[in-house]
Each structure stands twice: as structure tokens, then as C-alpha cells.
Amino acid sequence: MEKPLPASTRPDKSHVVVGTLNEGNDIVLYVKPAHRDAWKAPAFAPALGLFVSRGVPVYVSCNDQTERIY
């Protein structure tokens, strides 16, 4: 991606760690069970919107269970 993600996506603020799958073609959002829905927070919406608007598949992973959300 050509521009950095918003500061609101920092893991210490969002409780979401952004990674990649499939040689960087997909995004995976790692969350802890205590913050399972952190990726749904309004502060994370700009980052999620960026991924989705570019057609990048997005997954959420919690406790070694991964599911595609977009």
C-alpha cells in the first residue's frame, strides 16, 4: 500500500495486529480473545475500508482460528 495506515491502527491502540497471508496478497487481523471484536471498532474502520476498497481479502484470526470477513 502506498500510504501508511492511520495511527489508530497501532496495536497498542486498536488491539489488532495487521499481518499478511498468501505471500502478502491477503490481510489477516490478529486479535486476542479479550478483544475479539476490536477490528469492528470505529477507530479501525479507515484501515478496514482501505483494504476492502482495494479488493484485498481480509481475515480475522483469534486463538488460531481464522475466518474470512471480506
N, C-alpha and C. Protein backbone atom coordinates (compact mmCIF):
# COMPACT_ATOMS: atom_id res chain seq x y z
N MET A 1 0.85 -1.17 0.00
CA MET A 1 0.00 0.00 0.00
C MET A 1 0.90 1.23 0.00
N GLU A 2 0.50 2.22 -0.76
CA GLU A 2 1.39 3.36 -0.93
C GLU A 2 1.37 4.36 0.22
N LYS A 3 0.36 4.34 1.08
CA LYS A 3 0.39 5.27 2.20
C LYS A 3 0.27 4.49 3.51
N PRO A 4 0.82 5.04 4.59
CA PRO A 4 0.78 4.31 5.86
C PRO A 4 -0.64 4.24 6.41
N LEU A 5 -0.83 3.26 7.25
CA LEU A 5 -2.13 3.11 7.90
C LEU A 5 -2.27 4.20 8.97
N PRO A 6 -3.49 4.55 9.32
CA PRO A 6 -3.71 5.58 10.34
C PRO A 6 -3.11 5.17 11.69
N ALA A 7 -2.75 6.15 12.50
CA ALA A 7 -2.18 5.88 13.83
C ALA A 7 -3.14 5.08 14.69
N SER A 8 -4.43 5.19 14.42
CA SER A 8 -5.44 4.46 15.22
C SER A 8 -5.31 2.95 15.06
N THR A 9 -4.57 2.49 14.06
CA THR A 9 -4.41 1.05 13.85
C THR A 9 -3.23 0.46 14.63
N ARG A 10 -2.47 1.31 15.33
CA ARG A 10 -1.36 0.78 16.12
C ARG A 10 -1.90 -0.29 17.07
N PRO A 11 -1.21 -1.41 17.20
CA PRO A 11 -1.71 -2.49 18.06
C PRO A 11 -1.99 -2.08 19.51
N ASP A 12 -1.19 -1.15 20.05
CA ASP A 12 -1.43 -0.73 21.44
C ASP A 12 -2.68 0.13 21.56
N LYS A 13 -3.18 0.65 20.46
CA LYS A 13 -4.41 1.45 20.47
C LYS A 13 -5.61 0.64 20.00
N SER A 14 -5.42 -0.16 18.97
CA SER A 14 -6.54 -0.87 18.34
C SER A 14 -6.74 -2.29 18.84
N HIS A 15 -5.74 -2.86 19.47
CA HIS A 15 -5.75 -4.27 19.90
C HIS A 15 -5.83 -5.21 18.71
N VAL A 16 -5.35 -4.75 17.56
CA VAL A 16 -5.33 -5.53 16.33
C VAL A 16 -3.91 -5.48 15.76
N VAL A 17 -3.37 -6.65 15.44
CA VAL A 17 -2.08 -6.72 14.76
C VAL A 17 -2.38 -7.08 13.30
N VAL A 18 -1.91 -6.24 12.38
CA VAL A 18 -2.15 -6.45 10.97
C VAL A 18 -0.99 -7.25 10.38
N GLY A 19 -1.32 -8.34 9.71
CA GLY A 19 -0.32 -9.16 9.04
C GLY A 19 -0.80 -9.53 7.66
N THR A 20 -0.05 -10.40 7.01
CA THR A 20 -0.43 -10.83 5.66
C THR A 20 -0.43 -12.36 5.58
N LEU A 21 -1.13 -12.85 4.58
CA LEU A 21 -1.19 -14.27 4.25
C LEU A 21 -0.95 -14.40 2.75
N ASN A 22 -0.71 -15.60 2.31
CA ASN A 22 -0.60 -15.89 0.87
C ASN A 22 0.38 -14.96 0.16
N GLU A 23 1.59 -14.94 0.68
CA GLU A 23 2.68 -14.15 0.08
C GLU A 23 2.35 -12.67 -0.01
N GLY A 24 1.61 -12.15 0.97
CA GLY A 24 1.29 -10.73 1.03
C GLY A 24 0.07 -10.30 0.26
N ASN A 25 -0.66 -11.24 -0.30
CA ASN A 25 -1.84 -10.90 -1.10
C ASN A 25 -3.11 -10.73 -0.29
N ASP A 26 -3.14 -11.25 0.92
CA ASP A 26 -4.30 -11.16 1.79
C ASP A 26 -3.88 -10.51 3.11
N ILE A 27 -4.83 -9.86 3.77
CA ILE A 27 -4.60 -9.24 5.07
C ILE A 27 -5.20 -10.14 6.14
N VAL A 28 -4.48 -10.29 7.24
CA VAL A 28 -5.02 -11.01 8.40
C VAL A 28 -4.93 -10.07 9.60
N LEU A 29 -6.01 -9.99 10.34
CA LEU A 29 -6.10 -9.17 11.54
C LEU A 29 -6.06 -10.10 12.74
N TYR A 30 -4.98 -10.03 13.49
CA TYR A 30 -4.81 -10.90 14.66
C TYR A 30 -5.37 -10.19 15.89
N VAL A 31 -6.26 -10.87 16.61
CA VAL A 31 -6.85 -10.31 17.82
C VAL A 31 -6.79 -11.35 18.94
N LYS A 32 -6.76 -10.87 20.17
CA LYS A 32 -6.80 -11.75 21.34
C LYS A 32 -8.25 -11.99 21.72
N PRO A 33 -8.52 -13.10 22.41
CA PRO A 33 -9.90 -13.38 22.80
C PRO A 33 -10.56 -12.24 23.59
N ALA A 34 -9.79 -11.55 24.42
CA ALA A 34 -10.35 -10.45 25.20
C ALA A 34 -10.77 -9.27 24.33
N HIS A 35 -10.24 -9.22 23.11
CA HIS A 35 -10.55 -8.12 22.19
C HIS A 35 -10.98 -8.68 20.84
N ARG A 36 -11.75 -9.73 20.87
CA ARG A 36 -12.18 -10.46 19.67
C ARG A 36 -12.80 -9.56 18.60
N ASP A 37 -13.55 -8.55 19.01
CA ASP A 37 -14.24 -7.67 18.06
C ASP A 37 -13.53 -6.33 17.87
N ALA A 38 -12.27 -6.24 18.26
CA ALA A 38 -11.54 -4.97 18.16
C ALA A 38 -11.50 -4.45 16.72
N TRP A 39 -11.47 -5.34 15.76
CA TRP A 39 -11.41 -4.92 14.35
C TRP A 39 -12.69 -4.22 13.91
N LYS A 40 -13.77 -4.35 14.68
CA LYS A 40 -15.04 -3.71 14.36
C LYS A 40 -15.15 -2.29 14.92
N ALA A 41 -14.18 -1.86 15.71
CA ALA A 41 -14.22 -0.54 16.34
C ALA A 41 -14.17 0.57 15.29
N PRO A 42 -14.88 1.67 15.54
CA PRO A 42 -14.86 2.79 14.59
C PRO A 42 -13.45 3.31 14.29
N ALA A 43 -12.56 3.26 15.25
CA ALA A 43 -11.19 3.75 15.03
C ALA A 43 -10.44 2.90 14.01
N PHE A 44 -10.83 1.65 13.84
CA PHE A 44 -10.16 0.76 12.89
C PHE A 44 -10.83 0.80 11.51
N ALA A 45 -11.99 1.40 11.41
CA ALA A 45 -12.76 1.43 10.16
C ALA A 45 -11.99 2.00 8.97
N PRO A 46 -11.22 3.08 9.12
CA PRO A 46 -10.50 3.59 7.94
C PRO A 46 -9.53 2.56 7.35
N ALA A 47 -8.84 1.84 8.20
CA ALA A 47 -7.90 0.83 7.71
C ALA A 47 -8.65 -0.30 7.02
N LEU A 48 -9.71 -0.76 7.63
CA LEU A 48 -10.50 -1.83 7.05
C LEU A 48 -11.09 -1.39 5.71
N GLY A 49 -11.57 -0.16 5.66
CA GLY A 49 -12.11 0.37 4.42
C GLY A 49 -11.07 0.45 3.31
N LEU A 50 -9.84 0.76 3.69
CA LEU A 50 -8.75 0.82 2.72
C LEU A 50 -8.52 -0.55 2.09
N PHE A 51 -8.46 -1.58 2.92
CA PHE A 51 -8.23 -2.93 2.42
C PHE A 51 -9.38 -3.37 1.51
N VAL A 52 -10.60 -3.19 1.99
CA VAL A 52 -11.78 -3.64 1.24
C VAL A 52 -11.92 -2.87 -0.08
N SER A 53 -11.68 -1.56 -0.06
CA SER A 53 -11.83 -0.76 -1.28
C SER A 53 -10.83 -1.17 -2.36
N ARG A 54 -9.75 -1.77 -1.96
CA ARG A 54 -8.73 -2.22 -2.92
C ARG A 54 -8.91 -3.68 -3.31
N GLY A 55 -9.97 -4.29 -2.80
CA GLY A 55 -10.26 -5.67 -3.17
C GLY A 55 -9.35 -6.69 -2.52
N VAL A 56 -8.73 -6.31 -1.41
CA VAL A 56 -7.83 -7.23 -0.71
C VAL A 56 -8.65 -8.11 0.22
N PRO A 57 -8.53 -9.43 0.11
CA PRO A 57 -9.23 -10.31 1.05
C PRO A 57 -8.75 -10.06 2.48
N VAL A 58 -9.69 -10.02 3.42
CA VAL A 58 -9.36 -9.74 4.83
C VAL A 58 -9.85 -10.89 5.69
N TYR A 59 -8.98 -11.34 6.58
CA TYR A 59 -9.26 -12.42 7.51
C TYR A 59 -9.07 -11.93 8.93
N VAL A 60 -9.76 -12.55 9.89
CA VAL A 60 -9.53 -12.31 11.31
C VAL A 60 -9.08 -13.62 11.93
N SER A 61 -8.04 -13.53 12.76
CA SER A 61 -7.50 -14.71 13.43
C SER A 61 -7.52 -14.48 14.94
N CYS A 62 -8.13 -15.43 15.64
CA CYS A 62 -8.19 -15.39 17.10
C CYS A 62 -8.04 -16.81 17.62
N ASN A 63 -7.07 -17.02 18.49
CA ASN A 63 -6.83 -18.36 19.04
C ASN A 63 -6.64 -19.40 17.95
N ASP A 64 -5.84 -19.08 16.96
CA ASP A 64 -5.51 -19.99 15.86
C ASP A 64 -6.70 -20.40 15.01
N GLN A 65 -7.80 -19.66 15.10
CA GLN A 65 -8.94 -19.87 14.22
C GLN A 65 -9.05 -18.65 13.31
N THR A 66 -9.00 -18.89 12.03
CA THR A 66 -9.01 -17.80 11.06
C THR A 66 -10.23 -17.91 10.18
N GLU A 67 -10.90 -16.76 9.99
CA GLU A 67 -12.06 -16.74 9.10
C GLU A 67 -12.01 -15.50 8.23
N ARG A 68 -12.49 -15.64 7.02
CA ARG A 68 -12.53 -14.51 6.09
C ARG A 68 -13.73 -13.64 6.43
N ILE A 69 -13.47 -12.33 6.50
CA ILE A 69 -14.57 -11.41 6.81
C ILE A 69 -14.91 -10.53 5.61
N TYR A 70 -13.98 -10.36 4.66
CA TYR A 70 -14.22 -9.59 3.43
C TYR A 70 -13.43 -10.20 2.32
